[in-house]
Amino acid sequence: MLQPASREEVRQVGGPLWLLINQSHWSRERGQFKVTRNAASSILAHLAYCAIGEEERNNHSRAKLVPCEMFQRLVIGEEFDFADALESLDFQGVHVIRTRRSVAVLIPARTFIFVAVRGTQFAYDWLVNLNAFKSNSSFGGRIHRGFLNEAEELASAIRDCLSSKMADRISKSDCAIYLSGHSLGGAIAALLNQMQFQVPINDCYIFGSPRVGKLSSLIETSRIFATRRHLDIVAHCPPRMLGFENYARQFTCSGAEFDESDGLELQFFGSWLFGLALKNFQQHHSMEHYRFEAVGEARRDPQNSRYWREDWPDFAPL
């Protein structure tokens, strides 16, 4: 039985983030997959699951659908101020944007704005995810209609937040956005990467993301770094036979190119839908699995390990 999580555990989720941000040359190495940057992005994606709204707390019977143990524990725990928890880690001016089916956490750090995206428990509905009919997007390509609608709604809210809450920051010439997200949040982040905002998007790191459509016609795919695990079935969905393509640049957490076999793809798709119908997610897809592996790789780097604090938990998946 899951035990409720606390504000202090959310602080532990974000514990290594400043170290990993400071250990990476974000501006100089745009368009390159970096293990340390991937680890920082996995923590950002993990933090997005920690920003829980009142509606999710009041309707947490569907929380088992969300592929993050920390979310499932926080939603039954005591309410606290998420932005205040991050402020205690020296992240000032954090903003949380919510729609019915997605959440974006905007975290200013250095000259950048890190935008981490997740799906809400209301997005993990097998009927919604079966809405795989494709629509023409404004940026080219035929895209999963459900993901596209969510990305467009969230993009509008992000633009409003940037203008009203972060006007001073976005006025600086070196300001840029970095995107991250896991699962459905990764799919939405990949589509946000194609859209226009008040400042440029430098890179997009996503984890265990389902496919979003026919990507070969999109403009900005080279800066999407899709991390996958071999036992994660979600990244095989929706199947190729429905006209969906893999992300162009796929990696393991170690930075090696991901080599897949799609022979059992239809079985994977069916297994995902079956699990969603039973209000369960695939264990190998969890946020904790991705974070554990991504952060573990970064920690092995001597430049990071010598500063690593022993009281930072590794969040090993159950």
Protein backbone atom coordinates (compact mmCIF):
# COMPACT_ATOMS: atom_id res chain seq x y z
CA MET A 1 0.00 0.00 0.00
CA LEU A 2 1.35 3.41 -0.98
CA GLN A 3 2.28 5.81 1.80
CA PRO A 4 1.44 9.52 1.39
CA ALA A 5 4.36 11.69 0.27
CA SER A 6 5.33 15.06 1.71
CA ARG A 7 6.73 18.45 0.77
CA GLU A 8 10.16 17.35 1.97
CA GLU A 9 10.16 14.46 -0.51
CA VAL A 10 9.42 16.91 -3.32
CA ARG A 11 12.46 18.88 -2.23
CA GLN A 12 14.43 15.64 -2.48
CA VAL A 13 13.13 15.10 -6.02
CA GLY A 14 14.67 18.43 -7.01
CA GLY A 15 17.79 18.09 -4.85
CA PRO A 16 20.43 17.49 -7.57
CA LEU A 17 18.88 19.83 -10.13
CA TRP A 18 21.04 22.91 -9.59
CA LEU A 19 24.19 20.80 -9.72
CA LEU A 20 23.21 19.23 -13.05
CA ILE A 21 22.13 22.57 -14.52
CA ASN A 22 25.43 24.18 -13.56
CA GLN A 23 27.50 21.24 -14.85
CA SER A 24 26.18 21.52 -18.40
CA HIS A 25 27.06 24.10 -21.07
CA TRP A 26 23.47 24.63 -22.17
CA SER A 27 23.94 27.40 -24.74
CA ARG A 28 27.21 26.17 -26.27
CA GLU A 29 26.01 22.62 -26.89
CA ARG A 30 22.57 23.06 -28.38
CA GLY A 31 21.41 20.23 -30.60
CA GLN A 32 23.66 17.66 -28.90
CA PHE A 33 22.45 14.89 -26.58
CA LYS A 34 24.23 15.23 -23.25
CA VAL A 35 23.92 12.72 -20.41
CA THR A 36 24.05 15.40 -17.71
CA ARG A 37 21.43 17.48 -19.48
CA ASN A 38 19.26 14.40 -19.94
CA ALA A 39 19.48 13.72 -16.21
CA ALA A 40 18.50 17.30 -15.37
CA SER A 41 15.57 16.99 -17.76
CA SER A 42 14.44 13.75 -16.11
CA ILE A 43 14.35 15.54 -12.75
CA LEU A 44 12.36 18.39 -14.30
CA ALA A 45 9.89 15.89 -15.76
CA HIS A 46 9.68 14.21 -12.34
CA LEU A 47 8.98 17.55 -10.67
CA ALA A 48 6.09 18.17 -13.06
CA TYR A 49 4.32 15.19 -11.47
CA CYS A 50 4.75 16.84 -8.06
CA ALA A 51 2.63 19.88 -9.01
CA ILE A 52 -0.81 18.54 -8.14
CA GLY A 53 -3.97 20.59 -8.48
CA GLU A 54 -7.11 20.62 -6.36
CA GLU A 55 -9.17 18.81 -8.97
CA GLU A 56 -6.71 15.92 -9.07
CA ARG A 57 -6.67 15.69 -5.27
CA ASN A 58 -10.45 15.62 -5.14
CA ASN A 59 -10.70 12.91 -7.81
CA HIS A 60 -7.71 10.71 -7.05
CA SER A 61 -9.48 7.41 -7.79
CA ARG A 62 -7.87 7.57 -11.25
CA ALA A 63 -4.38 8.31 -9.90
CA LYS A 64 -3.20 4.75 -10.63
CA LEU A 65 -3.31 5.63 -14.33
CA VAL A 66 -0.53 8.20 -13.92
CA PRO A 67 2.89 6.55 -14.50
CA CYS A 68 4.64 8.09 -11.51
CA GLU A 69 4.79 6.66 -8.00
CA MET A 70 5.54 10.08 -6.47
CA PHE A 71 2.36 11.51 -8.00
CA GLN A 72 0.31 8.63 -6.63
CA ARG A 73 1.73 9.20 -3.15
CA LEU A 74 1.42 12.99 -3.23
CA VAL A 75 -2.18 12.99 -4.37
CA ILE A 76 -3.19 11.23 -1.13
CA GLY A 77 -0.89 13.33 1.05
CA GLU A 78 -1.27 16.74 2.66
CA GLU A 79 -1.55 19.75 0.38
CA PHE A 80 1.38 22.18 0.20
CA ASP A 81 2.65 25.04 -1.95
CA PHE A 82 4.68 23.47 -4.78
CA ALA A 83 6.33 26.76 -5.83
CA ASP A 84 7.32 27.41 -2.22
CA ALA A 85 8.94 23.96 -2.01
CA LEU A 86 11.08 24.77 -5.06
CA GLU A 87 11.85 28.25 -3.76
CA SER A 88 13.45 26.55 -0.75
CA LEU A 89 15.86 24.97 -3.29
CA ASP A 90 16.69 28.46 -4.65
CA PHE A 91 14.41 28.27 -7.69
CA GLN A 92 12.62 31.62 -7.71
CA GLY A 93 9.57 32.59 -9.75
CA VAL A 94 8.22 29.10 -10.49
CA HIS A 95 4.83 29.02 -12.21
CA VAL A 96 2.42 26.15 -12.75
CA ILE A 97 -0.01 26.11 -15.68
CA ARG A 98 -2.93 23.69 -15.70
CA THR A 99 -5.46 22.59 -18.26
CA ARG A 100 -7.90 19.73 -17.86
CA ARG A 101 -5.47 17.19 -19.31
CA SER A 102 -1.99 18.67 -18.95
CA VAL A 103 0.29 20.54 -16.57
CA ALA A 104 3.34 22.65 -17.37
CA VAL A 105 5.83 23.75 -14.72
CA LEU A 106 7.92 26.80 -15.69
CA ILE A 107 11.19 27.03 -13.74
CA PRO A 108 13.50 30.00 -14.39
CA ALA A 109 17.18 29.18 -13.89
CA ARG A 110 20.20 31.13 -15.07
CA THR A 111 19.11 32.82 -18.31
CA PHE A 112 16.72 30.02 -19.28
CA ILE A 113 13.17 28.91 -18.67
CA PHE A 114 12.77 25.18 -18.15
CA VAL A 115 9.30 23.98 -19.11
CA ALA A 116 8.39 20.49 -17.85
CA VAL A 117 5.13 18.94 -19.04
CA ARG A 118 2.99 16.05 -17.84
CA GLY A 119 -0.44 14.65 -18.50
CA THR A 120 -3.03 14.77 -15.72
CA GLN A 121 -4.92 11.71 -14.54
CA PHE A 122 -7.78 12.85 -16.78
CA ALA A 123 -5.52 12.57 -19.85
CA TYR A 124 -4.75 8.90 -19.17
CA ASP A 125 -8.05 7.74 -20.58
CA TRP A 126 -7.89 4.91 -23.08
CA LEU A 127 -10.73 6.44 -25.12
CA VAL A 128 -8.77 9.69 -25.45
CA ASN A 129 -5.61 7.85 -26.43
CA LEU A 130 -7.52 5.87 -29.01
CA ASN A 131 -8.33 9.25 -30.59
CA ALA A 132 -5.40 8.62 -32.88
CA PHE A 133 -6.95 10.18 -35.95
CA LYS A 134 -4.50 12.67 -37.35
CA SER A 135 -5.08 16.34 -38.07
CA ASN A 136 -3.06 18.80 -40.14
CA SER A 137 -1.04 21.01 -37.85
CA SER A 138 -0.15 24.65 -38.37
CA PHE A 139 3.56 23.72 -38.38
CA GLY A 140 3.29 20.92 -40.94
CA GLY A 141 2.73 17.20 -40.66
CA ARG A 142 -0.28 15.12 -39.71
CA ILE A 143 -0.41 14.80 -35.94
CA HIS A 144 -2.37 12.74 -33.39
CA ARG A 145 -5.50 14.84 -32.92
CA GLY A 146 -5.72 14.41 -29.14
CA PHE A 147 -2.07 15.32 -28.52
CA LEU A 148 -2.25 18.27 -30.92
CA ASN A 149 -5.33 19.73 -29.23
CA GLU A 150 -3.68 19.49 -25.82
CA ALA A 151 -0.43 21.05 -27.06
CA GLU A 152 -2.22 23.98 -28.69
CA GLU A 153 -4.24 24.71 -25.55
CA LEU A 154 -1.18 24.50 -23.33
CA ALA A 155 0.95 26.61 -25.70
CA SER A 156 -1.56 29.45 -25.51
CA ALA A 157 -1.48 29.35 -21.70
CA ILE A 158 2.35 29.28 -21.67
CA ARG A 159 2.53 32.34 -23.94
CA ASP A 160 0.16 34.20 -21.62
CA CYS A 161 2.29 33.27 -18.60
CA LEU A 162 5.52 34.36 -20.28
CA SER A 163 4.03 37.75 -21.13
CA SER A 164 2.31 38.41 -17.82
CA LYS A 165 4.64 36.74 -15.30
CA MET A 166 8.07 36.62 -16.94
CA ALA A 167 8.21 39.78 -19.05
CA ASP A 168 11.57 40.92 -17.66
CA ARG A 169 13.21 37.56 -18.23
CA ILE A 170 12.00 37.06 -21.80
CA SER A 171 13.14 40.58 -22.72
CA LYS A 172 16.77 39.47 -22.35
CA SER A 173 18.51 38.51 -25.59
CA ASP A 174 19.99 35.27 -24.22
CA CYS A 175 16.75 33.90 -22.78
CA ALA A 176 15.67 30.53 -24.20
CA ILE A 177 13.32 27.65 -23.38
CA TYR A 178 14.25 24.04 -22.69
CA LEU A 179 11.41 21.52 -22.82
CA SER A 180 11.05 18.19 -21.05
CA GLY A 181 8.32 15.67 -20.36
CA HIS A 182 7.57 12.02 -19.70
CA SER A 183 4.89 9.79 -21.26
CA LEU A 184 1.98 11.92 -22.51
CA GLY A 185 3.88 14.96 -21.27
CA GLY A 186 6.71 13.99 -23.60
CA ALA A 187 4.33 13.84 -26.56
CA ILE A 188 2.96 17.29 -25.75
CA ALA A 189 6.47 18.70 -25.20
CA ALA A 190 7.54 17.36 -28.61
CA LEU A 191 4.68 19.28 -30.22
CA LEU A 192 5.37 22.43 -28.21
CA ASN A 193 8.86 22.20 -29.66
CA GLN A 194 7.36 22.91 -33.10
CA MET A 195 5.49 26.03 -31.98
CA GLN A 196 6.47 29.68 -31.70
CA PHE A 197 6.95 31.44 -28.37
CA GLN A 198 8.31 34.82 -27.33
CA VAL A 199 11.79 33.32 -26.95
CA PRO A 200 13.46 30.49 -28.88
CA ILE A 201 13.36 26.84 -27.86
CA ASN A 202 16.85 25.38 -27.66
CA ASP A 203 16.28 21.66 -26.98
CA CYS A 204 13.59 19.19 -25.96
CA TYR A 205 14.32 16.09 -23.85
CA ILE A 206 11.51 13.56 -23.56
CA PHE A 207 11.17 10.17 -21.86
CA GLY A 208 8.98 7.21 -22.79
CA SER A 209 6.88 9.32 -25.12
CA PRO A 210 4.26 7.76 -27.38
CA ARG A 211 4.51 8.62 -31.06
CA VAL A 212 2.73 11.78 -32.14
CA GLY A 213 2.27 11.34 -35.90
CA LYS A 214 4.11 11.58 -39.19
CA LEU A 215 7.28 13.34 -38.08
CA SER A 216 9.25 13.28 -41.32
CA SER A 217 7.45 16.42 -42.51
CA LEU A 218 8.05 18.44 -39.34
CA ILE A 219 10.60 21.23 -39.32
CA GLU A 220 12.26 20.98 -35.92
CA THR A 221 12.90 17.31 -35.10
CA SER A 222 16.69 17.42 -34.74
CA ARG A 223 16.49 19.04 -31.31
CA ILE A 224 14.05 16.47 -29.86
CA PHE A 225 15.96 13.87 -27.85
CA ALA A 226 13.72 10.89 -27.08
CA THR A 227 14.98 8.59 -24.33
CA ARG A 228 13.57 5.07 -24.39
CA ARG A 229 13.83 1.88 -22.34
CA HIS A 230 13.69 -1.50 -24.09
CA LEU A 231 10.89 -2.87 -21.89
CA ASP A 232 8.72 0.24 -22.21
CA ILE A 233 5.82 -0.54 -24.53
CA VAL A 234 4.37 2.99 -24.61
CA ALA A 235 7.04 4.31 -27.00
CA HIS A 236 5.82 1.73 -29.56
CA CYS A 237 2.34 3.29 -29.56
CA PRO A 238 0.37 4.14 -31.61
CA PRO A 239 1.71 1.52 -34.06
CA ARG A 240 3.42 2.24 -37.36
CA MET A 241 0.59 0.62 -39.29
CA LEU A 242 -1.56 3.63 -38.32
CA GLY A 243 0.97 5.99 -39.90
CA PHE A 244 2.94 6.96 -36.78
CA GLU A 245 6.71 7.36 -36.88
CA ASN A 246 9.47 7.13 -34.31
CA TYR A 247 11.29 10.25 -33.20
CA ALA A 248 14.32 10.84 -35.39
CA ARG A 249 16.81 10.90 -32.50
CA GLN A 250 16.28 8.14 -29.94
CA PHE A 251 18.68 7.30 -27.13
CA THR A 252 19.13 5.13 -24.09
CA CYS A 253 19.88 6.84 -20.79
CA SER A 254 23.59 6.19 -21.37
CA GLY A 255 23.53 8.29 -24.54
CA ALA A 256 23.78 5.31 -26.91
CA GLU A 257 21.48 5.28 -29.91
CA PHE A 258 18.36 3.25 -29.20
CA ASP A 259 18.05 0.10 -31.31
CA GLU A 260 14.56 -1.33 -31.34
CA SER A 261 12.64 -4.29 -32.69
CA ASP A 262 9.05 -3.60 -33.63
CA GLY A 263 8.01 -7.18 -34.34
CA LEU A 264 5.58 -7.30 -31.39
CA GLU A 265 4.27 -3.79 -31.85
CA LEU A 266 0.57 -4.61 -32.13
CA GLN A 267 0.81 -6.72 -28.99
CA PHE A 268 2.46 -3.77 -27.24
CA PHE A 269 -0.33 -1.44 -28.35
CA GLY A 270 -3.00 -3.85 -27.17
CA SER A 271 -1.23 -4.32 -23.85
CA TRP A 272 -1.10 -0.55 -23.30
CA LEU A 273 -4.80 -0.11 -24.01
CA PHE A 274 -5.69 -3.09 -21.81
CA GLY A 275 -3.67 -1.65 -18.94
CA LEU A 276 -5.32 1.76 -19.30
CA ALA A 277 -8.77 0.14 -19.34
CA LEU A 278 -7.90 -1.59 -16.04
CA LYS A 279 -6.59 1.70 -14.60
CA ASN A 280 -3.00 0.49 -14.46
CA PHE A 281 0.20 1.70 -16.10
CA GLN A 282 3.11 -0.35 -17.32
CA GLN A 283 5.78 -0.59 -14.60
CA HIS A 284 8.68 -0.35 -17.05
CA HIS A 285 7.23 2.94 -18.26
CA SER A 286 7.28 4.72 -14.90
CA MET A 287 8.87 8.12 -14.38
CA GLU A 288 10.97 6.63 -11.59
CA HIS A 289 12.54 4.06 -13.95
CA TYR A 290 13.62 6.80 -16.35
CA ARG A 291 14.86 9.14 -13.64
CA PHE A 292 16.77 6.36 -11.84
CA GLU A 293 18.65 5.40 -15.01
CA ALA A 294 19.21 8.93 -16.36
CA VAL A 295 20.44 10.39 -13.07
CA GLY A 296 22.51 7.27 -12.40
CA GLU A 297 24.37 7.80 -15.67
CA ALA A 298 25.10 11.43 -14.82
CA ARG A 299 26.22 10.57 -11.32
CA ARG A 300 28.92 8.27 -12.71
CA ASP A 301 30.57 11.25 -14.38
CA PRO A 302 33.47 12.32 -12.11
CA GLN A 303 32.62 15.97 -12.72
CA ASN A 304 29.24 15.32 -11.09
CA SER A 305 30.07 12.59 -8.57
CA ARG A 306 32.59 14.68 -6.65
CA TYR A 307 29.83 17.16 -5.77
CA TRP A 308 27.08 14.57 -5.21
CA ARG A 309 25.44 14.69 -1.78
CA GLU A 310 24.88 11.42 0.03
CA ASP A 311 21.47 12.56 1.28
CA TRP A 312 20.08 12.80 -2.25
CA PRO A 313 17.90 9.68 -2.69
CA ASP A 314 18.12 7.80 -5.97
CA PHE A 315 14.35 7.15 -6.21
CA ALA A 316 14.87 3.55 -7.23
CA PRO A 317 11.62 2.23 -8.76
CA LEU A 318 9.66 -0.37 -6.83
